[in-house]
Amino acid sequence: MRSVAAPAALGALLVASPPARAQSVGSPSASAPAGGAAQRPAGPFVLDQATTWDLDVEGGVGRYFGSSDRWTGLVRGRAGILFVRDPRYDSVGVSFEYSSLAKATFGVEVEIARIDAGFWAQAGALLDVSARPGGLLSGGWSILGLEAQVRSFAGLGLGVTVFAKVSVPIGVVAHVLGARGSKSTP
């Protein structure tokens, strides 16, 4: 999942020398020329399909706006399933978050990402250990993003928290590097 963002260096690596991958039926590059040798597909990205594990780690600093404005931070880990339909890398998973406002929060998140452009977006539902629900929306480019949460905190009541965050998409990086290492280029 988000946080299936593609780091800028990873994007540059993919564009520099893309691996050969399976082509969809009927695509112009899927057919072999008259000589019988397969041609390398045009463009930096070609069709890659997989369903695999996902792991994402995020950290951020933000501001809570509510009955008592204050600065806060968060650390979140998410594990789940990554659906690769190159150039889309979508994921769904469960998360655990720690912040100075809620020591333990569990969640479910969905992330969509376009690895070719580096853009990603997340939506999720949260529930802290005191059974206070909340929701989140976030988006970004590469590994940088912004997140907004609406939720209630003990002693603070309902409010909005806005974070600037860094998201490290371990599952995406592992899949891309694994796909590059296991494929031979013509």
N, C-alpha and C. Protein backbone atom coordinates (compact mmCIF):
# COMPACT_ATOMS: atom_id res chain seq x y z
N MET A 1 0.82 -1.16 0.00
CA MET A 1 0.00 0.00 0.00
C MET A 1 0.88 1.25 0.00
N ARG A 2 0.69 2.96 -0.16
CA ARG A 2 1.28 4.12 -0.18
C ARG A 2 1.37 4.21 -0.18
N SER A 3 1.40 3.41 1.72
CA SER A 3 1.70 4.47 1.23
C SER A 3 2.44 4.03 0.16
N VAL A 4 1.82 3.81 -1.17
CA VAL A 4 2.52 3.18 -2.27
C VAL A 4 3.06 4.28 -3.16
N ALA A 5 3.94 5.09 -2.64
CA ALA A 5 4.60 6.16 -3.37
C ALA A 5 5.90 5.64 -3.93
N ALA A 6 6.26 6.07 -5.07
CA ALA A 6 7.52 5.66 -5.67
C ALA A 6 8.54 6.74 -5.41
N PRO A 7 9.61 6.42 -4.69
CA PRO A 7 10.65 7.42 -4.47
C PRO A 7 11.19 7.92 -5.81
N ALA A 8 11.60 9.17 -5.85
CA ALA A 8 12.08 9.76 -7.09
C ALA A 8 13.24 8.95 -7.67
N ALA A 9 14.13 8.49 -6.82
CA ALA A 9 15.26 7.69 -7.31
C ALA A 9 14.79 6.38 -7.93
N LEU A 10 13.76 5.78 -7.33
CA LEU A 10 13.22 4.55 -7.86
C LEU A 10 12.61 4.81 -9.24
N GLY A 11 11.87 5.91 -9.37
CA GLY A 11 11.27 6.26 -10.66
C GLY A 11 12.33 6.45 -11.72
N ALA A 12 13.43 7.13 -11.36
CA ALA A 12 14.52 7.35 -12.31
C ALA A 12 15.16 6.03 -12.70
N LEU A 13 15.29 5.13 -11.73
CA LEU A 13 15.86 3.81 -12.00
C LEU A 13 15.01 3.04 -13.00
N LEU A 14 13.69 3.10 -12.84
CA LEU A 14 12.79 2.38 -13.73
C LEU A 14 12.82 2.95 -15.14
N VAL A 15 12.86 4.28 -15.25
CA VAL A 15 12.85 4.91 -16.56
C VAL A 15 14.17 4.65 -17.29
N ALA A 16 15.27 4.57 -16.55
CA ALA A 16 16.58 4.40 -17.16
C ALA A 16 16.71 3.08 -17.90
N SER A 17 16.23 1.99 -17.33
CA SER A 17 16.33 0.71 -18.01
C SER A 17 15.23 -0.21 -17.52
N PRO A 18 14.06 -0.12 -18.13
CA PRO A 18 12.94 -0.93 -17.68
C PRO A 18 13.14 -2.40 -17.98
N PRO A 19 12.65 -3.28 -17.10
CA PRO A 19 12.77 -4.71 -17.36
C PRO A 19 11.78 -5.14 -18.43
N ALA A 20 12.10 -6.23 -19.09
CA ALA A 20 11.15 -6.80 -20.04
C ALA A 20 10.05 -7.48 -19.24
N ARG A 21 8.81 -7.28 -19.62
CA ARG A 21 7.70 -7.86 -18.89
C ARG A 21 6.66 -8.39 -19.87
N ALA A 22 5.73 -9.15 -19.36
CA ALA A 22 4.68 -9.73 -20.19
C ALA A 22 3.83 -8.64 -20.81
N GLN A 23 3.41 -8.86 -22.05
CA GLN A 23 2.58 -7.90 -22.75
C GLN A 23 1.14 -8.38 -22.80
N SER A 24 0.22 -7.44 -22.91
CA SER A 24 -1.17 -7.83 -23.04
C SER A 24 -1.42 -8.35 -24.45
N VAL A 25 -2.38 -9.24 -24.56
CA VAL A 25 -2.70 -9.82 -25.86
C VAL A 25 -3.22 -8.74 -26.78
N GLY A 26 -2.72 -8.72 -28.00
CA GLY A 26 -3.18 -7.76 -28.99
C GLY A 26 -2.42 -6.45 -28.98
N SER A 27 -1.49 -6.25 -28.06
CA SER A 27 -0.73 -5.01 -28.07
C SER A 27 0.30 -5.09 -29.19
N PRO A 28 0.63 -3.95 -29.82
CA PRO A 28 1.55 -3.98 -30.96
C PRO A 28 2.90 -4.59 -30.61
N SER A 29 3.40 -4.35 -29.39
CA SER A 29 4.71 -4.87 -29.05
C SER A 29 4.67 -6.33 -28.64
N ALA A 30 3.47 -6.91 -28.48
CA ALA A 30 3.37 -8.31 -28.08
C ALA A 30 3.63 -9.25 -29.26
N SER A 31 3.46 -8.76 -30.47
CA SER A 31 3.67 -9.62 -31.63
C SER A 31 5.15 -9.62 -32.02
N ALA A 32 5.59 -10.73 -32.52
CA ALA A 32 6.98 -10.87 -32.94
C ALA A 32 7.12 -10.39 -34.37
N PRO A 33 8.26 -9.79 -34.71
CA PRO A 33 8.49 -9.38 -36.10
C PRO A 33 8.68 -10.60 -37.00
N ALA A 34 8.80 -10.35 -38.28
CA ALA A 34 8.89 -11.43 -39.26
C ALA A 34 10.05 -12.37 -38.96
N GLY A 35 11.14 -11.85 -38.40
CA GLY A 35 12.30 -12.67 -38.10
C GLY A 35 12.07 -13.62 -36.94
N GLY A 36 10.98 -13.46 -36.19
CA GLY A 36 10.65 -14.35 -35.09
C GLY A 36 11.13 -13.88 -33.72
N ALA A 37 12.03 -12.90 -33.67
CA ALA A 37 12.52 -12.41 -32.37
C ALA A 37 11.53 -11.41 -31.79
N ALA A 38 11.32 -11.51 -30.49
CA ALA A 38 10.40 -10.58 -29.84
C ALA A 38 11.04 -9.20 -29.73
N GLN A 39 10.25 -8.15 -29.92
CA GLN A 39 10.75 -6.79 -29.80
C GLN A 39 10.55 -6.30 -28.37
N ARG A 40 11.44 -5.42 -27.94
CA ARG A 40 11.30 -4.78 -26.63
C ARG A 40 10.18 -3.75 -26.73
N PRO A 41 9.26 -3.73 -25.77
CA PRO A 41 8.16 -2.79 -25.83
C PRO A 41 8.64 -1.34 -25.72
N ALA A 42 7.90 -0.44 -26.36
CA ALA A 42 8.23 0.98 -26.33
C ALA A 42 7.79 1.58 -25.00
N GLY A 43 8.49 2.61 -24.56
CA GLY A 43 8.12 3.32 -23.33
C GLY A 43 8.77 2.71 -22.10
N PRO A 44 8.81 3.50 -21.03
CA PRO A 44 9.50 3.04 -19.83
C PRO A 44 8.71 2.01 -19.02
N PHE A 45 7.40 1.92 -19.21
CA PHE A 45 6.60 0.99 -18.41
C PHE A 45 5.79 0.08 -19.32
N VAL A 46 5.77 -1.15 -18.95
CA VAL A 46 4.97 -2.13 -19.67
C VAL A 46 4.14 -2.88 -18.66
N LEU A 47 3.26 -3.70 -19.14
CA LEU A 47 2.31 -4.39 -18.29
C LEU A 47 2.99 -5.38 -17.36
N ASP A 48 2.80 -5.19 -16.05
CA ASP A 48 3.26 -6.11 -15.02
C ASP A 48 2.08 -6.33 -14.10
N GLN A 49 1.71 -7.55 -13.89
CA GLN A 49 0.58 -7.86 -13.02
C GLN A 49 1.02 -8.83 -11.94
N ALA A 50 0.68 -8.48 -10.69
CA ALA A 50 1.02 -9.34 -9.57
C ALA A 50 0.14 -8.98 -8.39
N THR A 51 -0.01 -9.91 -7.49
CA THR A 51 -0.64 -9.68 -6.20
C THR A 51 0.34 -10.23 -5.18
N THR A 52 0.79 -9.37 -4.27
CA THR A 52 1.86 -9.75 -3.37
C THR A 52 1.69 -9.04 -2.02
N TRP A 53 2.64 -9.22 -1.14
CA TRP A 53 2.60 -8.59 0.18
C TRP A 53 2.93 -7.11 0.06
N ASP A 54 2.50 -6.35 1.06
CA ASP A 54 2.81 -4.92 1.10
C ASP A 54 3.18 -4.52 2.51
N LEU A 55 4.09 -3.60 2.62
CA LEU A 55 4.50 -3.03 3.90
C LEU A 55 4.83 -1.57 3.66
N ASP A 56 4.32 -0.71 4.52
CA ASP A 56 4.52 0.73 4.38
C ASP A 56 4.81 1.30 5.76
N VAL A 57 5.78 2.20 5.84
CA VAL A 57 6.12 2.87 7.09
C VAL A 57 6.04 4.37 6.86
N GLU A 58 5.37 5.09 7.78
CA GLU A 58 5.19 6.53 7.64
C GLU A 58 5.55 7.25 8.93
N GLY A 59 5.98 8.47 8.79
CA GLY A 59 6.23 9.33 9.93
C GLY A 59 5.91 10.75 9.54
N GLY A 60 5.41 11.53 10.49
CA GLY A 60 5.06 12.90 10.15
C GLY A 60 4.95 13.81 11.36
N VAL A 61 4.89 15.09 11.06
CA VAL A 61 4.71 16.14 12.07
C VAL A 61 3.51 16.95 11.64
N GLY A 62 2.65 17.29 12.62
CA GLY A 62 1.46 18.03 12.27
C GLY A 62 0.91 18.87 13.39
N ARG A 63 -0.24 19.43 13.11
CA ARG A 63 -0.90 20.33 14.05
C ARG A 63 -2.34 19.89 14.22
N TYR A 64 -2.75 19.77 15.49
CA TYR A 64 -4.14 19.44 15.83
C TYR A 64 -4.90 20.76 15.99
N PHE A 65 -6.04 20.86 15.31
CA PHE A 65 -6.90 22.03 15.39
C PHE A 65 -8.22 21.60 16.01
N GLY A 66 -8.48 22.06 17.20
CA GLY A 66 -9.70 21.70 17.91
C GLY A 66 -9.86 22.60 19.11
N SER A 67 -10.32 22.03 20.22
CA SER A 67 -10.54 22.83 21.42
C SER A 67 -9.23 23.38 21.98
N SER A 68 -8.13 22.72 21.73
CA SER A 68 -6.83 23.15 22.21
C SER A 68 -5.79 22.83 21.15
N ASP A 69 -5.42 23.82 20.33
CA ASP A 69 -4.46 23.58 19.25
C ASP A 69 -3.11 23.17 19.82
N ARG A 70 -2.49 22.17 19.18
CA ARG A 70 -1.17 21.73 19.62
C ARG A 70 -0.46 20.97 18.51
N TRP A 71 0.87 20.94 18.60
CA TRP A 71 1.70 20.20 17.66
C TRP A 71 1.73 18.74 18.06
N THR A 72 1.88 17.88 17.09
CA THR A 72 1.94 16.45 17.35
C THR A 72 2.76 15.77 16.25
N GLY A 73 3.01 14.52 16.42
CA GLY A 73 3.70 13.73 15.42
C GLY A 73 3.05 12.36 15.32
N LEU A 74 3.40 11.61 14.30
CA LEU A 74 2.87 10.25 14.17
C LEU A 74 3.91 9.33 13.56
N VAL A 75 3.79 8.08 13.93
CA VAL A 75 4.55 6.98 13.32
C VAL A 75 3.52 5.90 13.03
N ARG A 76 3.51 5.41 11.79
CA ARG A 76 2.50 4.41 11.40
C ARG A 76 3.16 3.32 10.56
N GLY A 77 2.72 2.11 10.80
CA GLY A 77 3.11 0.98 9.96
C GLY A 77 1.86 0.33 9.41
N ARG A 78 1.93 -0.12 8.18
CA ARG A 78 0.78 -0.78 7.56
C ARG A 78 1.26 -2.03 6.85
N ALA A 79 0.54 -3.13 7.03
CA ALA A 79 0.83 -4.38 6.33
C ALA A 79 -0.43 -4.81 5.60
N GLY A 80 -0.25 -5.35 4.40
CA GLY A 80 -1.43 -5.74 3.64
C GLY A 80 -1.09 -6.42 2.33
N ILE A 81 -1.96 -6.20 1.35
CA ILE A 81 -1.85 -6.83 0.04
C ILE A 81 -1.63 -5.74 -1.00
N LEU A 82 -0.68 -5.97 -1.89
CA LEU A 82 -0.35 -5.05 -2.98
C LEU A 82 -0.85 -5.63 -4.29
N PHE A 83 -1.63 -4.85 -5.01
CA PHE A 83 -2.16 -5.26 -6.31
C PHE A 83 -1.43 -4.46 -7.38
N VAL A 84 -0.56 -5.13 -8.13
CA VAL A 84 0.24 -4.47 -9.15
C VAL A 84 -0.43 -4.65 -10.50
N ARG A 85 -0.77 -3.55 -11.13
CA ARG A 85 -1.28 -3.51 -12.50
C ARG A 85 -0.55 -2.34 -13.14
N ASP A 86 0.73 -2.57 -13.40
CA ASP A 86 1.65 -1.53 -13.82
C ASP A 86 1.03 -0.61 -14.85
N PRO A 87 1.04 0.70 -14.64
CA PRO A 87 1.81 1.46 -13.66
C PRO A 87 1.07 1.71 -12.33
N ARG A 88 -0.10 1.10 -12.14
CA ARG A 88 -0.81 1.28 -10.86
C ARG A 88 -0.35 0.26 -9.84
N TYR A 89 -0.13 0.75 -8.64
CA TYR A 89 0.25 -0.09 -7.50
C TYR A 89 -0.73 0.24 -6.39
N ASP A 90 -1.78 -0.53 -6.27
CA ASP A 90 -2.84 -0.28 -5.29
C ASP A 90 -2.70 -1.26 -4.14
N SER A 91 -3.12 -0.83 -2.95
CA SER A 91 -2.98 -1.71 -1.80
C SER A 91 -4.09 -1.48 -0.79
N VAL A 92 -4.28 -2.49 0.03
CA VAL A 92 -5.22 -2.43 1.14
C VAL A 92 -4.54 -3.14 2.31
N GLY A 93 -4.74 -2.59 3.51
CA GLY A 93 -4.07 -3.21 4.65
C GLY A 93 -4.55 -2.68 5.98
N VAL A 94 -4.01 -3.26 7.03
CA VAL A 94 -4.30 -2.84 8.40
C VAL A 94 -3.10 -2.07 8.92
N SER A 95 -3.39 -1.09 9.79
CA SER A 95 -2.31 -0.24 10.27
C SER A 95 -2.31 -0.11 11.78
N PHE A 96 -1.15 0.28 12.30
CA PHE A 96 -1.01 0.64 13.71
C PHE A 96 -0.31 1.98 13.74
N GLU A 97 -0.87 2.92 14.50
CA GLU A 97 -0.34 4.28 14.57
C GLU A 97 -0.06 4.67 16.01
N TYR A 98 1.04 5.36 16.21
CA TYR A 98 1.37 5.94 17.51
C TYR A 98 1.52 7.44 17.32
N SER A 99 0.91 8.22 18.20
CA SER A 99 1.11 9.67 18.18
C SER A 99 1.06 10.18 19.61
N SER A 100 1.45 11.43 19.79
CA SER A 100 1.42 12.01 21.13
C SER A 100 -0.01 12.26 21.60
N LEU A 101 -0.99 12.24 20.70
CA LEU A 101 -2.39 12.46 21.07
C LEU A 101 -3.14 11.16 21.34
N ALA A 102 -2.73 10.06 20.72
CA ALA A 102 -3.35 8.74 20.95
C ALA A 102 -2.23 7.71 20.86
N LYS A 103 -1.95 7.09 21.97
CA LYS A 103 -0.80 6.18 22.04
C LYS A 103 -0.94 4.94 21.16
N ALA A 104 -2.15 4.50 20.90
CA ALA A 104 -2.35 3.31 20.06
C ALA A 104 -3.64 3.47 19.26
N THR A 105 -3.49 3.45 17.94
CA THR A 105 -4.64 3.55 17.05
C THR A 105 -4.50 2.48 15.97
N PHE A 106 -5.58 1.74 15.75
CA PHE A 106 -5.61 0.72 14.70
C PHE A 106 -6.41 1.27 13.52
N GLY A 107 -6.14 0.76 12.33
CA GLY A 107 -6.85 1.27 11.17
C GLY A 107 -6.88 0.30 10.02
N VAL A 108 -7.69 0.67 9.04
CA VAL A 108 -7.77 -0.02 7.76
C VAL A 108 -7.57 1.06 6.70
N GLU A 109 -6.67 0.82 5.76
CA GLU A 109 -6.35 1.82 4.74
C GLU A 109 -6.39 1.23 3.34
N VAL A 110 -6.73 2.10 2.40
CA VAL A 110 -6.68 1.78 0.97
C VAL A 110 -5.79 2.83 0.33
N GLU A 111 -4.92 2.40 -0.54
CA GLU A 111 -4.04 3.34 -1.23
C GLU A 111 -4.03 3.03 -2.72
N ILE A 112 -4.03 4.10 -3.52
CA ILE A 112 -3.85 3.97 -4.96
C ILE A 112 -2.60 4.78 -5.33
N ALA A 113 -1.81 4.26 -6.24
CA ALA A 113 -0.58 4.94 -6.63
C ALA A 113 -0.30 4.72 -8.10
N ARG A 114 0.25 5.74 -8.73
CA ARG A 114 0.74 5.66 -10.11
C ARG A 114 2.25 5.78 -10.04
N ILE A 115 2.94 4.66 -10.21
CA ILE A 115 4.39 4.66 -10.07
C ILE A 115 5.07 5.45 -11.18
N ASP A 116 4.44 5.55 -12.35
CA ASP A 116 5.05 6.30 -13.44
C ASP A 116 5.04 7.80 -13.17
N ALA A 117 4.04 8.31 -12.48
CA ALA A 117 3.96 9.73 -12.17
C ALA A 117 4.42 10.03 -10.75
N GLY A 118 4.45 9.01 -9.89
CA GLY A 118 4.88 9.21 -8.51
C GLY A 118 3.79 9.65 -7.57
N PHE A 119 2.56 9.82 -8.06
CA PHE A 119 1.47 10.31 -7.22
C PHE A 119 0.76 9.16 -6.51
N TRP A 120 0.26 9.43 -5.29
CA TRP A 120 -0.46 8.44 -4.51
C TRP A 120 -1.51 9.13 -3.66
N ALA A 121 -2.52 8.36 -3.25
CA ALA A 121 -3.58 8.85 -2.37
C ALA A 121 -4.01 7.72 -1.45
N GLN A 122 -4.41 8.07 -0.23
CA GLN A 122 -4.86 7.09 0.77
C GLN A 122 -6.16 7.55 1.40
N ALA A 123 -6.95 6.59 1.81
CA ALA A 123 -8.14 6.84 2.63
C ALA A 123 -8.19 5.74 3.68
N GLY A 124 -8.66 6.09 4.88
CA GLY A 124 -8.67 5.07 5.91
C GLY A 124 -9.63 5.38 7.03
N ALA A 125 -9.92 4.33 7.79
CA ALA A 125 -10.75 4.42 8.98
C ALA A 125 -9.87 4.07 10.18
N LEU A 126 -10.06 4.81 11.27
CA LEU A 126 -9.22 4.65 12.45
C LEU A 126 -10.07 4.35 13.68
N LEU A 127 -9.49 3.63 14.64
CA LEU A 127 -10.15 3.36 15.91
C LEU A 127 -9.06 3.24 16.97
N ASP A 128 -9.09 4.17 17.96
CA ASP A 128 -8.05 4.09 18.99
C ASP A 128 -8.48 3.11 20.08
N VAL A 129 -7.59 2.84 21.03
CA VAL A 129 -7.86 1.82 22.04
C VAL A 129 -8.98 2.22 23.01
N SER A 130 -9.40 3.48 22.98
CA SER A 130 -10.54 3.93 23.79
C SER A 130 -11.83 3.93 22.97
N ALA A 131 -11.81 3.27 21.82
CA ALA A 131 -12.96 3.12 20.93
C ALA A 131 -13.45 4.44 20.35
N ARG A 132 -12.55 5.40 20.14
CA ARG A 132 -12.89 6.65 19.48
C ARG A 132 -12.55 6.51 18.00
N PRO A 133 -13.56 6.61 17.11
CA PRO A 133 -13.32 6.43 15.67
C PRO A 133 -12.78 7.71 15.02
N GLY A 134 -12.24 7.55 13.83
CA GLY A 134 -11.77 8.67 13.04
C GLY A 134 -11.56 8.26 11.61
N GLY A 135 -11.18 9.20 10.79
CA GLY A 135 -10.91 8.93 9.39
C GLY A 135 -9.73 9.72 8.90
N LEU A 136 -9.12 9.29 7.81
CA LEU A 136 -7.98 10.00 7.25
C LEU A 136 -8.06 10.03 5.74
N LEU A 137 -7.52 11.10 5.17
CA LEU A 137 -7.31 11.25 3.74
C LEU A 137 -5.91 11.81 3.56
N SER A 138 -5.18 11.27 2.63
CA SER A 138 -3.84 11.80 2.38
C SER A 138 -3.47 11.62 0.92
N GLY A 139 -2.49 12.37 0.50
CA GLY A 139 -1.99 12.29 -0.86
C GLY A 139 -0.61 12.87 -0.94
N GLY A 140 0.11 12.52 -2.00
CA GLY A 140 1.44 13.06 -2.13
C GLY A 140 2.11 12.66 -3.42
N TRP A 141 3.37 13.03 -3.49
CA TRP A 141 4.22 12.72 -4.63
C TRP A 141 5.51 12.13 -4.10
N SER A 142 5.97 11.09 -4.73
CA SER A 142 7.16 10.37 -4.33
C SER A 142 6.98 9.89 -2.89
N ILE A 143 7.85 10.25 -1.98
CA ILE A 143 7.70 9.79 -0.60
C ILE A 143 7.14 10.89 0.32
N LEU A 144 6.83 12.06 -0.22
CA LEU A 144 6.33 13.18 0.58
C LEU A 144 4.83 13.31 0.43
N GLY A 145 4.15 13.65 1.53
CA GLY A 145 2.71 13.78 1.45
C GLY A 145 2.12 14.65 2.54
N LEU A 146 0.83 14.91 2.39
CA LEU A 146 0.02 15.63 3.38
C LEU A 146 -1.13 14.73 3.79
N GLU A 147 -1.48 14.78 5.06
CA GLU A 147 -2.58 13.96 5.57
C GLU A 147 -3.47 14.79 6.46
N ALA A 148 -4.77 14.56 6.36
CA ALA A 148 -5.75 15.18 7.26
C ALA A 148 -6.51 14.07 7.96
N GLN A 149 -6.62 14.20 9.28
CA GLN A 149 -7.40 13.25 10.08
C GLN A 149 -8.50 14.01 10.80
N VAL A 150 -9.68 13.42 10.85
CA VAL A 150 -10.78 13.94 11.65
C VAL A 150 -11.06 12.89 12.70
N ARG A 151 -10.91 13.27 13.97
CA ARG A 151 -11.12 12.32 15.05
C ARG A 151 -11.18 13.02 16.39
N SER A 152 -11.59 12.26 17.38
CA SER A 152 -11.70 12.76 18.74
C SER A 152 -10.56 12.18 19.57
N PHE A 153 -9.96 13.02 20.40
CA PHE A 153 -8.88 12.58 21.29
C PHE A 153 -9.31 12.78 22.74
N ALA A 154 -8.82 11.93 23.62
CA ALA A 154 -9.14 12.02 25.05
C ALA A 154 -8.74 13.39 25.58
N GLY A 155 -9.67 14.07 26.22
CA GLY A 155 -9.40 15.38 26.81
C GLY A 155 -9.39 16.53 25.84
N LEU A 156 -9.46 16.26 24.54
CA LEU A 156 -9.40 17.32 23.54
C LEU A 156 -10.68 17.43 22.72
N GLY A 157 -11.43 16.37 22.64
CA GLY A 157 -12.65 16.39 21.83
C GLY A 157 -12.37 16.24 20.35
N LEU A 158 -13.40 16.52 19.56
CA LEU A 158 -13.33 16.37 18.10
C LEU A 158 -12.49 17.48 17.49
N GLY A 159 -11.65 17.12 16.53
CA GLY A 159 -10.81 18.10 15.85
C GLY A 159 -10.23 17.54 14.58
N VAL A 160 -9.47 18.37 13.90
CA VAL A 160 -8.79 18.00 12.66
C VAL A 160 -7.30 18.12 12.89
N THR A 161 -6.57 17.12 12.44
CA THR A 161 -5.11 17.15 12.51
C THR A 161 -4.57 17.09 11.09
N VAL A 162 -3.63 17.97 10.78
CA VAL A 162 -3.01 18.01 9.45
C VAL A 162 -1.53 17.70 9.64
N PHE A 163 -1.04 16.72 8.88
CA PHE A 163 0.35 16.26 8.96
C PHE A 163 1.08 16.47 7.64
N ALA A 164 2.36 16.80 7.73
CA ALA A 164 3.30 16.67 6.62
C ALA A 164 4.04 15.38 6.94
N LYS A 165 4.11 14.46 5.96
CA LYS A 165 4.66 13.15 6.29
C LYS A 165 5.58 12.60 5.20
N VAL A 166 6.34 11.61 5.62
CA VAL A 166 7.20 10.84 4.72
C VAL A 166 6.66 9.42 4.74
N SER A 167 6.46 8.85 3.57
CA SER A 167 5.92 7.50 3.44
C SER A 167 6.93 6.64 2.68
N VAL A 168 7.33 5.53 3.29
CA VAL A 168 8.30 4.64 2.67
C VAL A 168 7.58 3.36 2.25
N PRO A 169 7.35 3.18 0.94
CA PRO A 169 6.61 2.02 0.42
C PRO A 169 7.50 0.79 0.25
N ILE A 170 7.80 0.11 1.32
CA ILE A 170 8.73 -1.02 1.30
C ILE A 170 8.24 -2.12 0.35
N GLY A 171 6.96 -2.42 0.36
CA GLY A 171 6.42 -3.46 -0.52
C GLY A 171 6.58 -3.13 -1.99
N VAL A 172 6.35 -1.87 -2.36
CA VAL A 172 6.50 -1.46 -3.76
C VAL A 172 7.96 -1.54 -4.19
N VAL A 173 8.85 -1.01 -3.35
CA VAL A 173 10.27 -1.04 -3.68
C VAL A 173 10.75 -2.50 -3.83
N ALA A 174 10.35 -3.36 -2.90
CA ALA A 174 10.76 -4.76 -2.98
C ALA A 174 10.22 -5.42 -4.24
N HIS A 175 8.97 -5.13 -4.61
CA HIS A 175 8.40 -5.74 -5.82
C HIS A 175 9.14 -5.27 -7.07
N VAL A 176 9.36 -3.97 -7.17
CA VAL A 176 10.01 -3.43 -8.36
C VAL A 176 11.44 -3.96 -8.48
N LEU A 177 12.19 -3.94 -7.39
CA LEU A 177 13.56 -4.45 -7.46
C LEU A 177 13.59 -5.96 -7.70
N GLY A 178 12.63 -6.69 -7.13
CA GLY A 178 12.55 -8.13 -7.37
C GLY A 178 12.19 -8.44 -8.80
N ALA A 179 11.29 -7.66 -9.39
CA ALA A 179 10.90 -7.87 -10.78
C ALA A 179 12.06 -7.56 -11.71
N ARG A 180 12.84 -6.52 -11.38
CA ARG A 180 14.00 -6.18 -12.21
C ARG A 180 15.06 -7.26 -12.14
N GLY A 181 15.25 -7.85 -10.94
CA GLY A 181 16.28 -8.86 -10.78
C GLY A 181 15.92 -10.20 -11.38
N SER A 182 14.62 -10.51 -11.46
CA SER A 182 14.21 -11.82 -11.96
C SER A 182 13.94 -11.86 -13.45
N LYS A 183 13.92 -10.69 -14.09
CA LYS A 183 13.66 -10.64 -15.53
C LYS A 183 14.96 -10.36 -16.27
N SER A 184 15.12 -11.01 -17.39
CA SER A 184 16.29 -10.70 -18.22
C SER A 184 15.84 -9.82 -19.37
N THR A 185 16.67 -8.87 -19.73
CA THR A 185 16.32 -7.97 -20.84
C THR A 185 16.85 -8.57 -22.14
N PRO A 186 16.11 -8.38 -23.23
CA PRO A 186 16.55 -8.96 -24.50
C PRO A 186 17.78 -8.27 -25.05
